[in-house]
Every structure is written in C-alpha cells, then in structure tokens.
Amino acid sequence: MIKLGALQIFNGGTPLFSPLNLEIKAGEIASVMGPSGCGKSTLLSAICGNLAEVFTLKGDVLLKGISILSLPMEKRRIGILFQDDLLFPHMSIAENLAFALPQKMARNKRKEKIKEALERADLVGFDKRDPATLSGGQRARVSLLRSLLAEPEALLLDEPFSQLDQELREQIRLFVFESIREMDIPALLVSHDPRDCPPGEIINLANQRM
C-alpha cells in the first residue's frame, strides 16, 4: 500500500493544492485529475523523489507503512510511466528491457525474464528490433514492461495514454491496468481525461486549490 499523509507541495510559500490524504492498496489504481499546470506531474515527482529544488514538501509518503521521503529516488522502489515512452534509441528492445534488470542477475536468467515479458505483451521475436521500427502501441507496451521488470513496489502513471489514438488508447490502457493488477502493486494515475481513469478513487486537483 502507498499512502499520502496530508501531502502538500509549495512553490516558494505558495501551496499548489490543499493537503492530500490518499491510500492505495496493492492491485488498486487511484486517479488524480486536473487541467495542465495544477500540479499533477509535480505530485508524481514528489512521490518518486525527483522534485525540483524550487518546490518544498509538507506531509508524508508511506510505502508499505514506511516513510520514503528521506530516500533518494533510486532507493524508493517506485516505477513511473510517462506519456513519452523514453526508450533508448541506440539499444535493441531486449537491451532496453535488460536495462531494468539487476546487473548482478545471471545472463541466462536475464534472457529468460526478457523472453517472458515479451510473450506477455504479445511481442515474441521483437527482442532484436530497433525501437524506431515499432508502432506507438508496441513502444508503449515495451515501456511498461521495462518499468515492471524493475519490480517496483508501486507505479506512477503520468498521462501515459495521451499521445495514442482512441482505439489504441483503449487497448494499451487495458493492458496497463491488467498488468498492475497482476503485479498486485498500488498505482497512481494522473490525467486530464476522465476516460483514462479506471473505477476507483478520483481526486480532482482543481478542487483542491488553496
């Protein structure tokens, strides 16, 4: 479970929104909505540990009951999926996926993990492909696989469907939500489009302004 305890972000002395209290259990997906500039992406940056120095925090973020705000980003065990897939263009699909796996993992085990991931995403035989040769939906699936192969204990979704056409958007959205439930990890989605939000708790940051 991930819990936001009276979490508030300030730009100088000005709060972006009123204190947020939210609990997300394993396998659940909560949503934060609001227009551009209301603080959605800044909220995710605060949770994953990548908050710009211009901002300050009050409140707490707990993962499995333990505060993570004092931990650096790489120690928080929180994955994040952006609207841009951010695949490394100079690496093959297999190399992109391997980037998420521990360096100390045996080579055979790494190949097995990558093979299983590609099978799960219906991308068998794509291991040696160049990212530039993939469709938007295929790139989105690879990006999610890379996030999940790192075995995060929570996942943040920063408008990951916004650049997909409507038919593909529905397909990838279903794949992402099913993957989160199968991994049994909590997830927080931010979006400006209510169609992207699964059933569950929805917070509108526009209504949380001070």
N, C-alpha and C. Protein backbone atom coordinates (compact mmCIF):
# COMPACT_ATOMS: atom_id res chain seq x y z
N MET A 1 0.84 -1.20 0.00
CA MET A 1 0.00 0.00 0.00
C MET A 1 0.87 1.25 0.00
N ILE A 2 0.42 2.26 -0.75
CA ILE A 2 1.08 3.55 -0.69
C ILE A 2 0.10 4.55 -0.09
N LYS A 3 0.61 5.40 0.77
CA LYS A 3 -0.26 6.34 1.48
C LYS A 3 0.32 7.74 1.43
N LEU A 4 -0.52 8.69 1.04
CA LEU A 4 -0.17 10.11 1.13
C LEU A 4 -0.81 10.66 2.39
N GLY A 5 0.03 11.17 3.28
CA GLY A 5 -0.47 11.69 4.55
C GLY A 5 -0.35 13.20 4.60
N ALA A 6 -1.49 13.89 4.37
CA ALA A 6 -1.53 15.36 4.39
C ALA A 6 -0.40 15.94 3.53
N LEU A 7 -0.18 15.35 2.37
CA LEU A 7 0.91 15.77 1.49
C LEU A 7 0.56 17.08 0.81
N GLN A 8 1.50 18.02 0.88
CA GLN A 8 1.29 19.34 0.29
C GLN A 8 2.59 19.83 -0.31
N ILE A 9 2.51 20.45 -1.48
CA ILE A 9 3.69 20.94 -2.20
C ILE A 9 3.60 22.47 -2.31
N PHE A 10 4.73 23.12 -2.04
CA PHE A 10 4.78 24.58 -2.07
C PHE A 10 5.77 25.06 -3.12
N ASN A 11 5.40 26.09 -3.84
CA ASN A 11 6.30 26.80 -4.73
C ASN A 11 6.61 28.13 -4.06
N GLY A 12 7.79 28.23 -3.46
CA GLY A 12 8.06 29.35 -2.57
C GLY A 12 7.19 29.15 -1.33
N GLY A 13 6.40 30.13 -0.99
CA GLY A 13 5.49 29.95 0.14
C GLY A 13 4.07 29.66 -0.28
N THR A 14 3.86 29.43 -1.59
CA THR A 14 2.51 29.24 -2.12
C THR A 14 2.20 27.76 -2.32
N PRO A 15 1.16 27.24 -1.67
CA PRO A 15 0.81 25.82 -1.87
C PRO A 15 0.15 25.61 -3.23
N LEU A 16 0.49 24.49 -3.88
CA LEU A 16 -0.13 24.17 -5.15
C LEU A 16 -1.54 23.65 -4.97
N PHE A 17 -1.78 22.99 -3.83
CA PHE A 17 -3.10 22.44 -3.53
C PHE A 17 -3.19 22.20 -2.03
N SER A 18 -4.39 21.98 -1.55
CA SER A 18 -4.59 21.70 -0.13
C SER A 18 -4.04 20.31 0.20
N PRO A 19 -3.80 20.00 1.48
CA PRO A 19 -3.19 18.71 1.85
C PRO A 19 -3.97 17.52 1.30
N LEU A 20 -3.23 16.57 0.72
CA LEU A 20 -3.84 15.37 0.14
C LEU A 20 -3.68 14.19 1.07
N ASN A 21 -4.78 13.49 1.29
CA ASN A 21 -4.75 12.24 2.04
C ASN A 21 -5.32 11.15 1.13
N LEU A 22 -4.52 10.11 0.91
CA LEU A 22 -4.93 9.07 -0.04
C LEU A 22 -4.24 7.76 0.32
N GLU A 23 -5.00 6.67 0.30
CA GLU A 23 -4.45 5.33 0.49
C GLU A 23 -4.77 4.49 -0.75
N ILE A 24 -3.75 3.83 -1.29
CA ILE A 24 -3.94 2.97 -2.46
C ILE A 24 -3.42 1.58 -2.10
N LYS A 25 -4.29 0.61 -2.11
CA LYS A 25 -3.89 -0.75 -1.75
C LYS A 25 -3.26 -1.47 -2.95
N ALA A 26 -2.58 -2.58 -2.66
CA ALA A 26 -1.96 -3.38 -3.71
C ALA A 26 -3.01 -3.81 -4.73
N GLY A 27 -2.70 -3.63 -6.01
CA GLY A 27 -3.62 -4.01 -7.06
C GLY A 27 -4.65 -2.95 -7.40
N GLU A 28 -4.67 -1.86 -6.65
CA GLU A 28 -5.62 -0.78 -6.90
C GLU A 28 -4.98 0.36 -7.69
N ILE A 29 -5.81 1.10 -8.41
CA ILE A 29 -5.34 2.25 -9.19
C ILE A 29 -6.20 3.45 -8.81
N ALA A 30 -5.59 4.45 -8.22
CA ALA A 30 -6.29 5.70 -7.92
C ALA A 30 -5.91 6.73 -8.97
N SER A 31 -6.76 7.74 -9.13
CA SER A 31 -6.55 8.73 -10.18
C SER A 31 -6.56 10.14 -9.61
N VAL A 32 -5.67 10.97 -10.16
CA VAL A 32 -5.66 12.40 -9.85
C VAL A 32 -5.88 13.14 -11.17
N MET A 33 -6.91 13.97 -11.21
CA MET A 33 -7.25 14.69 -12.41
C MET A 33 -7.04 16.19 -12.22
N GLY A 34 -7.08 16.91 -13.34
CA GLY A 34 -6.97 18.36 -13.27
C GLY A 34 -6.36 18.89 -14.55
N PRO A 35 -6.54 20.18 -14.82
CA PRO A 35 -6.00 20.79 -16.03
C PRO A 35 -4.48 20.92 -15.96
N SER A 36 -3.87 21.21 -17.08
CA SER A 36 -2.42 21.43 -17.12
C SER A 36 -2.04 22.56 -16.17
N GLY A 37 -0.92 22.35 -15.45
CA GLY A 37 -0.42 23.38 -14.55
C GLY A 37 -0.98 23.35 -13.15
N CYS A 38 -1.83 22.37 -12.85
CA CYS A 38 -2.42 22.33 -11.50
C CYS A 38 -1.56 21.57 -10.49
N GLY A 39 -0.48 20.91 -10.97
CA GLY A 39 0.42 20.23 -10.04
C GLY A 39 0.41 18.72 -10.12
N LYS A 40 -0.23 18.15 -11.14
CA LYS A 40 -0.32 16.69 -11.23
C LYS A 40 1.05 16.03 -11.36
N SER A 41 1.82 16.47 -12.34
CA SER A 41 3.14 15.87 -12.56
C SER A 41 4.09 16.21 -11.41
N THR A 42 3.94 17.38 -10.82
CA THR A 42 4.77 17.76 -9.67
C THR A 42 4.49 16.82 -8.50
N LEU A 43 3.23 16.43 -8.33
CA LEU A 43 2.87 15.47 -7.28
C LEU A 43 3.60 14.15 -7.49
N LEU A 44 3.62 13.66 -8.73
CA LEU A 44 4.32 12.40 -9.00
C LEU A 44 5.82 12.54 -8.76
N SER A 45 6.37 13.69 -9.11
CA SER A 45 7.80 13.93 -8.87
C SER A 45 8.12 13.88 -7.38
N ALA A 46 7.21 14.42 -6.56
CA ALA A 46 7.40 14.39 -5.11
C ALA A 46 7.39 12.97 -4.58
N ILE A 47 6.50 12.14 -5.13
CA ILE A 47 6.37 10.77 -4.65
C ILE A 47 7.57 9.91 -5.06
N CYS A 48 8.04 10.09 -6.30
CA CYS A 48 9.14 9.24 -6.78
C CYS A 48 10.52 9.76 -6.38
N GLY A 49 10.58 11.01 -5.88
CA GLY A 49 11.86 11.53 -5.40
C GLY A 49 12.61 12.38 -6.39
N ASN A 50 11.90 12.96 -7.35
CA ASN A 50 12.54 13.76 -8.38
C ASN A 50 11.99 15.19 -8.40
N LEU A 51 11.64 15.69 -7.23
CA LEU A 51 11.04 17.02 -7.13
C LEU A 51 12.09 18.11 -7.33
N ALA A 52 11.78 19.08 -8.18
CA ALA A 52 12.70 20.19 -8.43
C ALA A 52 12.95 20.98 -7.15
N GLU A 53 14.14 21.56 -7.05
CA GLU A 53 14.54 22.24 -5.81
C GLU A 53 13.68 23.47 -5.50
N VAL A 54 13.00 24.00 -6.50
CA VAL A 54 12.17 25.18 -6.27
C VAL A 54 10.97 24.87 -5.39
N PHE A 55 10.61 23.57 -5.30
CA PHE A 55 9.45 23.15 -4.51
C PHE A 55 9.87 22.62 -3.14
N THR A 56 8.96 22.74 -2.17
CA THR A 56 9.15 22.13 -0.85
C THR A 56 7.91 21.31 -0.50
N LEU A 57 8.11 20.41 0.46
CA LEU A 57 7.05 19.47 0.83
C LEU A 57 6.66 19.58 2.30
N LYS A 58 5.40 19.28 2.56
CA LYS A 58 4.93 19.00 3.91
C LYS A 58 4.12 17.72 3.83
N GLY A 59 4.00 17.04 4.97
CA GLY A 59 3.27 15.78 4.97
C GLY A 59 4.21 14.61 4.77
N ASP A 60 3.67 13.47 4.36
CA ASP A 60 4.49 12.26 4.25
C ASP A 60 3.99 11.36 3.13
N VAL A 61 4.89 10.50 2.64
CA VAL A 61 4.55 9.44 1.70
C VAL A 61 5.04 8.14 2.31
N LEU A 62 4.12 7.19 2.50
CA LEU A 62 4.45 5.91 3.11
C LEU A 62 4.26 4.80 2.08
N LEU A 63 5.23 3.92 1.98
CA LEU A 63 5.14 2.74 1.13
C LEU A 63 5.29 1.52 2.02
N LYS A 64 4.26 0.71 2.06
CA LYS A 64 4.21 -0.45 2.96
C LYS A 64 4.46 -0.01 4.41
N GLY A 65 3.92 1.15 4.78
CA GLY A 65 3.99 1.63 6.14
C GLY A 65 5.26 2.35 6.52
N ILE A 66 6.19 2.52 5.56
CA ILE A 66 7.48 3.14 5.86
C ILE A 66 7.60 4.44 5.07
N SER A 67 8.00 5.52 5.74
CA SER A 67 8.19 6.80 5.06
C SER A 67 9.35 6.70 4.08
N ILE A 68 9.14 7.23 2.87
CA ILE A 68 10.18 7.16 1.85
C ILE A 68 10.73 8.54 1.47
N LEU A 69 10.25 9.60 2.09
CA LEU A 69 10.64 10.95 1.66
C LEU A 69 12.12 11.24 1.88
N SER A 70 12.74 10.56 2.83
CA SER A 70 14.17 10.80 3.08
C SER A 70 15.06 9.96 2.16
N LEU A 71 14.46 9.08 1.36
CA LEU A 71 15.23 8.19 0.49
C LEU A 71 15.48 8.83 -0.87
N PRO A 72 16.64 8.58 -1.48
CA PRO A 72 16.86 9.05 -2.85
C PRO A 72 15.96 8.28 -3.81
N MET A 73 15.80 8.82 -5.00
CA MET A 73 14.89 8.25 -5.98
C MET A 73 15.15 6.76 -6.24
N GLU A 74 16.42 6.39 -6.38
CA GLU A 74 16.76 5.01 -6.74
C GLU A 74 16.49 4.01 -5.63
N LYS A 75 16.25 4.51 -4.41
CA LYS A 75 16.00 3.62 -3.27
C LYS A 75 14.51 3.48 -2.96
N ARG A 76 13.66 4.20 -3.66
CA ARG A 76 12.24 4.23 -3.29
C ARG A 76 11.44 3.06 -3.85
N ARG A 77 11.96 2.37 -4.84
CA ARG A 77 11.27 1.23 -5.46
C ARG A 77 9.93 1.63 -6.05
N ILE A 78 9.90 2.80 -6.67
CA ILE A 78 8.69 3.28 -7.32
C ILE A 78 8.97 3.48 -8.80
N GLY A 79 8.18 2.82 -9.64
CA GLY A 79 8.32 2.97 -11.08
C GLY A 79 7.45 4.11 -11.59
N ILE A 80 7.79 4.64 -12.75
CA ILE A 80 6.99 5.70 -13.34
C ILE A 80 6.90 5.50 -14.85
N LEU A 81 5.71 5.70 -15.38
CA LEU A 81 5.45 5.55 -16.81
C LEU A 81 4.96 6.89 -17.33
N PHE A 82 5.67 7.43 -18.32
CA PHE A 82 5.36 8.75 -18.85
C PHE A 82 4.55 8.66 -20.13
N GLN A 83 4.07 9.82 -20.61
CA GLN A 83 3.35 9.86 -21.89
C GLN A 83 4.30 9.58 -23.06
N ASP A 84 5.58 9.93 -22.92
CA ASP A 84 6.60 9.56 -23.90
C ASP A 84 7.24 8.26 -23.44
N ASP A 85 7.48 7.33 -24.36
CA ASP A 85 7.97 6.02 -23.95
C ASP A 85 9.42 6.04 -23.46
N LEU A 86 10.23 7.00 -23.90
CA LEU A 86 11.60 7.17 -23.42
C LEU A 86 12.47 5.93 -23.60
N LEU A 87 12.23 5.17 -24.66
CA LEU A 87 13.11 4.03 -24.96
C LEU A 87 14.43 4.55 -25.49
N PHE A 88 15.51 3.83 -25.19
CA PHE A 88 16.83 4.22 -25.66
C PHE A 88 16.95 3.87 -27.14
N PRO A 89 17.11 4.87 -28.02
CA PRO A 89 17.09 4.59 -29.46
C PRO A 89 18.29 3.79 -29.96
N HIS A 90 19.41 3.81 -29.21
CA HIS A 90 20.61 3.11 -29.65
C HIS A 90 20.65 1.67 -29.14
N MET A 91 19.60 1.24 -28.43
CA MET A 91 19.54 -0.12 -27.89
C MET A 91 18.42 -0.91 -28.56
N SER A 92 18.60 -2.21 -28.66
CA SER A 92 17.53 -3.08 -29.13
C SER A 92 16.44 -3.16 -28.07
N ILE A 93 15.33 -3.78 -28.41
CA ILE A 93 14.24 -3.94 -27.44
C ILE A 93 14.72 -4.77 -26.25
N ALA A 94 15.46 -5.84 -26.51
CA ALA A 94 15.96 -6.67 -25.42
C ALA A 94 16.91 -5.87 -24.52
N GLU A 95 17.76 -5.05 -25.12
CA GLU A 95 18.69 -4.24 -24.33
C GLU A 95 17.95 -3.19 -23.52
N ASN A 96 16.88 -2.62 -24.08
CA ASN A 96 16.07 -1.68 -23.32
C ASN A 96 15.45 -2.35 -22.10
N LEU A 97 14.95 -3.56 -22.28
CA LEU A 97 14.34 -4.28 -21.16
C LEU A 97 15.39 -4.71 -20.15
N ALA A 98 16.54 -5.13 -20.63
CA ALA A 98 17.61 -5.57 -19.73
C ALA A 98 18.08 -4.44 -18.83
N PHE A 99 17.94 -3.22 -19.29
CA PHE A 99 18.36 -2.05 -18.51
C PHE A 99 17.66 -2.00 -17.16
N ALA A 100 16.43 -2.56 -17.08
CA ALA A 100 15.67 -2.53 -15.83
C ALA A 100 16.04 -3.64 -14.86
N LEU A 101 16.79 -4.64 -15.35
CA LEU A 101 17.12 -5.79 -14.51
C LEU A 101 18.42 -5.56 -13.74
N PRO A 102 18.54 -6.20 -12.57
CA PRO A 102 19.77 -6.04 -11.78
C PRO A 102 21.00 -6.51 -12.56
N GLN A 103 22.07 -5.74 -12.48
CA GLN A 103 23.29 -6.08 -13.21
C GLN A 103 23.88 -7.41 -12.75
N LYS A 104 23.64 -7.76 -11.49
CA LYS A 104 24.22 -9.00 -10.96
C LYS A 104 23.44 -10.24 -11.36
N MET A 105 22.27 -10.06 -12.01
CA MET A 105 21.46 -11.20 -12.42
C MET A 105 22.20 -11.99 -13.50
N ALA A 106 22.18 -13.31 -13.39
CA ALA A 106 22.87 -14.17 -14.36
C ALA A 106 22.31 -13.95 -15.77
N ARG A 107 23.19 -14.08 -16.76
CA ARG A 107 22.81 -13.80 -18.14
C ARG A 107 21.63 -14.65 -18.59
N ASN A 108 21.64 -15.94 -18.28
CA ASN A 108 20.54 -16.83 -18.68
C ASN A 108 19.23 -16.40 -18.04
N LYS A 109 19.31 -15.97 -16.77
CA LYS A 109 18.11 -15.52 -16.08
C LYS A 109 17.57 -14.24 -16.70
N ARG A 110 18.47 -13.34 -17.10
CA ARG A 110 18.05 -12.10 -17.74
C ARG A 110 17.34 -12.39 -19.07
N LYS A 111 17.90 -13.30 -19.86
CA LYS A 111 17.28 -13.65 -21.13
C LYS A 111 15.91 -14.28 -20.92
N GLU A 112 15.79 -15.09 -19.87
CA GLU A 112 14.50 -15.73 -19.56
C GLU A 112 13.45 -14.69 -19.16
N LYS A 113 13.86 -13.71 -18.33
CA LYS A 113 12.94 -12.67 -17.89
C LYS A 113 12.45 -11.84 -19.08
N ILE A 114 13.37 -11.51 -19.97
CA ILE A 114 13.01 -10.71 -21.14
C ILE A 114 12.08 -11.50 -22.07
N LYS A 115 12.37 -12.77 -22.26
CA LYS A 115 11.53 -13.63 -23.11
C LYS A 115 10.12 -13.71 -22.55
N GLU A 116 10.01 -13.91 -21.25
CA GLU A 116 8.69 -14.00 -20.61
C GLU A 116 7.92 -12.68 -20.75
N ALA A 117 8.63 -11.57 -20.59
CA ALA A 117 7.98 -10.26 -20.69
C ALA A 117 7.44 -10.02 -22.09
N LEU A 118 8.24 -10.35 -23.11
CA LEU A 118 7.80 -10.15 -24.49
C LEU A 118 6.63 -11.06 -24.84
N GLU A 119 6.62 -12.27 -24.32
CA GLU A 119 5.49 -13.18 -24.53
C GLU A 119 4.23 -12.60 -23.92
N ARG A 120 4.35 -12.06 -22.74
CA ARG A 120 3.21 -11.49 -22.03
C ARG A 120 2.59 -10.33 -22.81
N ALA A 121 3.42 -9.57 -23.50
CA ALA A 121 2.94 -8.40 -24.23
C ALA A 121 2.67 -8.69 -25.69
N ASP A 122 2.67 -9.98 -26.07
CA ASP A 122 2.43 -10.39 -27.46
C ASP A 122 3.47 -9.76 -28.39
N LEU A 123 4.72 -9.78 -27.94
CA LEU A 123 5.82 -9.21 -28.73
C LEU A 123 6.93 -10.25 -28.94
N VAL A 124 6.55 -11.49 -29.09
CA VAL A 124 7.54 -12.56 -29.32
C VAL A 124 8.32 -12.27 -30.59
N GLY A 125 9.65 -12.39 -30.52
CA GLY A 125 10.50 -12.16 -31.67
C GLY A 125 10.92 -10.71 -31.86
N PHE A 126 10.54 -9.85 -30.93
CA PHE A 126 10.88 -8.43 -31.04
C PHE A 126 12.18 -8.08 -30.32
N ASP A 127 12.85 -9.07 -29.74
CA ASP A 127 14.00 -8.78 -28.88
C ASP A 127 15.12 -8.03 -29.59
N LYS A 128 15.36 -8.33 -30.87
CA LYS A 128 16.46 -7.68 -31.59
C LYS A 128 16.01 -6.47 -32.40
N ARG A 129 14.75 -6.12 -32.31
CA ARG A 129 14.23 -5.00 -33.09
C ARG A 129 14.73 -3.65 -32.57
N ASP A 130 14.83 -2.71 -33.47
CA ASP A 130 15.17 -1.32 -33.14
C ASP A 130 13.89 -0.61 -32.70
N PRO A 131 13.90 0.19 -31.61
CA PRO A 131 12.69 0.89 -31.17
C PRO A 131 12.03 1.71 -32.27
N ALA A 132 12.83 2.24 -33.20
CA ALA A 132 12.27 3.08 -34.27
C ALA A 132 11.37 2.30 -35.22
N THR A 133 11.48 0.97 -35.23
CA THR A 133 10.67 0.15 -36.13
C THR A 133 9.35 -0.27 -35.52
N LEU A 134 9.10 0.11 -34.27
CA LEU A 134 7.89 -0.30 -33.57
C LEU A 134 6.77 0.72 -33.75
N SER A 135 5.54 0.25 -33.69
CA SER A 135 4.39 1.14 -33.70
C SER A 135 4.25 1.82 -32.34
N GLY A 136 3.38 2.82 -32.26
CA GLY A 136 3.18 3.51 -31.00
C GLY A 136 2.70 2.59 -29.90
N GLY A 137 1.81 1.68 -30.22
CA GLY A 137 1.30 0.74 -29.22
C GLY A 137 2.36 -0.24 -28.76
N GLN A 138 3.19 -0.70 -29.68
CA GLN A 138 4.27 -1.61 -29.32
C GLN A 138 5.28 -0.93 -28.42
N ARG A 139 5.62 0.31 -28.75
CA ARG A 139 6.55 1.07 -27.91
C ARG A 139 5.97 1.29 -26.51
N ALA A 140 4.68 1.55 -26.43
CA ALA A 140 4.03 1.75 -25.13
C ALA A 140 4.10 0.49 -24.29
N ARG A 141 3.90 -0.67 -24.93
CA ARG A 141 3.98 -1.93 -24.19
C ARG A 141 5.40 -2.22 -23.71
N VAL A 142 6.38 -1.95 -24.55
CA VAL A 142 7.78 -2.16 -24.15
C VAL A 142 8.14 -1.24 -22.98
N SER A 143 7.67 -0.01 -23.04
CA SER A 143 7.95 0.94 -21.96
C SER A 143 7.38 0.45 -20.63
N LEU A 144 6.14 -0.07 -20.67
CA LEU A 144 5.54 -0.61 -19.45
C LEU A 144 6.31 -1.83 -18.97
N LEU A 145 6.69 -2.73 -19.89
CA LEU A 145 7.45 -3.92 -19.50
C LEU A 145 8.74 -3.53 -18.80
N ARG A 146 9.42 -2.52 -19.32
CA ARG A 146 10.68 -2.08 -18.70
C ARG A 146 10.43 -1.58 -17.28
N SER A 147 9.34 -0.84 -17.08
CA SER A 147 9.01 -0.35 -15.74
C SER A 147 8.72 -1.51 -14.79
N LEU A 148 8.00 -2.52 -15.27
CA LEU A 148 7.60 -3.63 -14.40
C LEU A 148 8.74 -4.61 -14.14
N LEU A 149 9.68 -4.75 -15.09
CA LEU A 149 10.81 -5.66 -14.89
C LEU A 149 11.70 -5.21 -13.74
N ALA A 150 11.66 -3.94 -13.40
CA ALA A 150 12.42 -3.45 -12.25
C ALA A 150 11.77 -3.85 -10.93
N GLU A 151 10.61 -4.52 -11.02
CA GLU A 151 9.87 -4.99 -9.85
C GLU A 151 9.61 -3.87 -8.84
N PRO A 152 8.95 -2.79 -9.29
CA PRO A 152 8.64 -1.70 -8.36
C PRO A 152 7.59 -2.14 -7.35
N GLU A 153 7.56 -1.46 -6.23
CA GLU A 153 6.55 -1.74 -5.20
C GLU A 153 5.35 -0.83 -5.35
N ALA A 154 5.43 0.14 -6.25
CA ALA A 154 4.31 1.00 -6.63
C ALA A 154 4.63 1.57 -8.00
N LEU A 155 3.59 1.99 -8.72
CA LEU A 155 3.78 2.52 -10.07
C LEU A 155 3.03 3.84 -10.22
N LEU A 156 3.68 4.82 -10.82
CA LEU A 156 3.08 6.12 -11.10
C LEU A 156 2.88 6.24 -12.61
N LEU A 157 1.74 6.75 -13.02
CA LEU A 157 1.39 6.86 -14.43
C LEU A 157 1.13 8.32 -14.76
N ASP A 158 2.02 8.92 -15.54
CA ASP A 158 1.92 10.34 -15.86
C ASP A 158 1.35 10.52 -17.27
N GLU A 159 0.02 10.50 -17.36
CA GLU A 159 -0.71 10.63 -18.63
C GLU A 159 -0.11 9.73 -19.72
N PRO A 160 0.04 8.44 -19.45
CA PRO A 160 0.76 7.57 -20.39
C PRO A 160 0.00 7.26 -21.68
N PHE A 161 -1.30 7.62 -21.75
CA PHE A 161 -2.08 7.28 -22.94
C PHE A 161 -2.38 8.49 -23.82
N SER A 162 -1.92 9.65 -23.43
CA SER A 162 -2.39 10.88 -24.06
C SER A 162 -1.94 11.04 -25.52
N GLN A 163 -0.88 10.36 -25.93
CA GLN A 163 -0.39 10.52 -27.30
C GLN A 163 -0.83 9.41 -28.24
N LEU A 164 -1.73 8.54 -27.75
CA LEU A 164 -2.22 7.43 -28.56
C LEU A 164 -3.58 7.77 -29.15
N ASP A 165 -3.87 7.22 -30.34
CA ASP A 165 -5.21 7.43 -30.90
C ASP A 165 -6.22 6.63 -30.07
N GLN A 166 -7.51 6.91 -30.26
CA GLN A 166 -8.52 6.41 -29.33
C GLN A 166 -8.58 4.88 -29.29
N GLU A 167 -8.53 4.22 -30.45
CA GLU A 167 -8.62 2.76 -30.46
C GLU A 167 -7.41 2.14 -29.75
N LEU A 168 -6.23 2.63 -30.08
CA LEU A 168 -5.01 2.13 -29.46
C LEU A 168 -4.98 2.49 -27.98
N ARG A 169 -5.50 3.64 -27.66
CA ARG A 169 -5.53 4.11 -26.27
C ARG A 169 -6.29 3.13 -25.38
N GLU A 170 -7.45 2.67 -25.86
CA GLU A 170 -8.25 1.73 -25.08
C GLU A 170 -7.51 0.40 -24.90
N GLN A 171 -6.84 -0.05 -25.95
CA GLN A 171 -6.10 -1.32 -25.90
C GLN A 171 -4.94 -1.24 -24.90
N ILE A 172 -4.14 -0.19 -24.98
CA ILE A 172 -2.98 -0.05 -24.11
C ILE A 172 -3.42 0.21 -22.67
N ARG A 173 -4.48 0.98 -22.49
CA ARG A 173 -4.99 1.24 -21.15
C ARG A 173 -5.38 -0.07 -20.46
N LEU A 174 -6.07 -0.93 -21.19
CA LEU A 174 -6.47 -2.23 -20.63
C LEU A 174 -5.25 -3.06 -20.28
N PHE A 175 -4.25 -3.06 -21.16
CA PHE A 175 -3.02 -3.83 -20.91
C PHE A 175 -2.30 -3.32 -19.67
N VAL A 176 -2.20 -2.00 -19.52
CA VAL A 176 -1.54 -1.41 -18.36
C VAL A 176 -2.27 -1.75 -17.07
N PHE A 177 -3.59 -1.57 -17.05
CA PHE A 177 -4.36 -1.82 -15.83
C PHE A 177 -4.33 -3.29 -15.44
N GLU A 178 -4.42 -4.18 -16.42
CA GLU A 178 -4.35 -5.62 -16.13
C GLU A 178 -2.97 -5.99 -15.58
N SER A 179 -1.93 -5.40 -16.12
CA SER A 179 -0.56 -5.69 -15.67
C SER A 179 -0.38 -5.25 -14.22
N ILE A 180 -0.92 -4.10 -13.86
CA ILE A 180 -0.81 -3.59 -12.49
C ILE A 180 -1.51 -4.54 -11.52
N ARG A 181 -2.69 -5.00 -11.91
CA ARG A 181 -3.44 -5.91 -11.03
C ARG A 181 -2.73 -7.26 -10.91
N GLU A 182 -2.14 -7.74 -12.01
CA GLU A 182 -1.40 -9.00 -11.96
C GLU A 182 -0.16 -8.87 -11.08
N MET A 183 0.51 -7.75 -11.14
CA MET A 183 1.70 -7.50 -10.30
C MET A 183 1.31 -7.27 -8.84
N ASP A 184 0.03 -6.92 -8.62
CA ASP A 184 -0.50 -6.68 -7.28
C ASP A 184 0.26 -5.56 -6.57
N ILE A 185 0.41 -4.44 -7.29
CA ILE A 185 1.06 -3.27 -6.71
C ILE A 185 0.11 -2.07 -6.80
N PRO A 186 0.23 -1.10 -5.90
CA PRO A 186 -0.61 0.10 -5.99
C PRO A 186 -0.11 1.00 -7.10
N ALA A 187 -1.04 1.73 -7.72
CA ALA A 187 -0.67 2.64 -8.80
C ALA A 187 -1.46 3.94 -8.68
N LEU A 188 -0.81 5.02 -9.07
CA LEU A 188 -1.45 6.34 -9.08
C LEU A 188 -1.34 6.91 -10.49
N LEU A 189 -2.49 7.18 -11.09
CA LEU A 189 -2.57 7.73 -12.44
C LEU A 189 -2.92 9.21 -12.38
N VAL A 190 -2.23 10.04 -13.14
CA VAL A 190 -2.65 11.43 -13.30
C VAL A 190 -3.06 11.64 -14.75
N SER A 191 -4.14 12.39 -14.94
CA SER A 191 -4.65 12.62 -16.29
C SER A 191 -5.57 13.84 -16.28
N HIS A 192 -5.79 14.41 -17.45
CA HIS A 192 -6.79 15.46 -17.60
C HIS A 192 -8.03 14.91 -18.30
N ASP A 193 -7.99 13.61 -18.65
CA ASP A 193 -9.09 12.98 -19.40
C ASP A 193 -9.77 11.92 -18.53
N PRO A 194 -11.04 12.11 -18.16
CA PRO A 194 -11.73 11.13 -17.30
C PRO A 194 -11.84 9.75 -17.92
N ARG A 195 -11.74 9.66 -19.25
CA ARG A 195 -11.83 8.34 -19.90
C ARG A 195 -10.64 7.47 -19.56
N ASP A 196 -9.54 8.07 -19.13
CA ASP A 196 -8.35 7.30 -18.79
C ASP A 196 -8.39 6.74 -17.38
N CYS A 197 -9.33 7.19 -16.57
CA CYS A 197 -9.36 6.82 -15.16
C CYS A 197 -10.16 5.54 -14.95
N PRO A 198 -9.56 4.52 -14.33
CA PRO A 198 -10.31 3.29 -14.04
C PRO A 198 -11.26 3.53 -12.87
N PRO A 199 -12.21 2.61 -12.65
CA PRO A 199 -13.08 2.74 -11.48
C PRO A 199 -12.23 2.78 -10.21
N GLY A 200 -12.60 3.62 -9.28
CA GLY A 200 -11.82 3.76 -8.04
C GLY A 200 -11.81 5.21 -7.60
N GLU A 201 -10.96 5.51 -6.65
CA GLU A 201 -10.93 6.86 -6.11
C GLU A 201 -10.33 7.83 -7.12
N ILE A 202 -11.00 8.96 -7.29
CA ILE A 202 -10.53 10.02 -8.19
C ILE A 202 -10.48 11.34 -7.42
N ILE A 203 -9.32 11.97 -7.45
CA ILE A 203 -9.15 13.29 -6.83
C ILE A 203 -8.97 14.32 -7.93
N ASN A 204 -9.75 15.39 -7.88
CA ASN A 204 -9.61 16.47 -8.84
C ASN A 204 -8.82 17.59 -8.20
N LEU A 205 -7.58 17.78 -8.65
CA LEU A 205 -6.72 18.79 -8.05
C LEU A 205 -7.27 20.20 -8.23
N ALA A 206 -8.08 20.38 -9.27
CA ALA A 206 -8.68 21.70 -9.49
C ALA A 206 -9.58 22.09 -8.32
N ASN A 207 -10.12 21.09 -7.63
CA ASN A 207 -10.98 21.34 -6.47
C ASN A 207 -10.18 21.39 -5.17
N GLN A 208 -8.86 21.16 -5.27
CA GLN A 208 -8.00 21.13 -4.08
C GLN A 208 -7.14 22.38 -3.97
N ARG A 209 -7.40 23.37 -4.84
CA ARG A 209 -6.58 24.57 -4.81
C ARG A 209 -6.89 25.38 -3.56
N MET A 210 -5.85 26.02 -3.04
CA MET A 210 -6.00 26.81 -1.82
C MET A 210 -6.65 28.17 -2.16
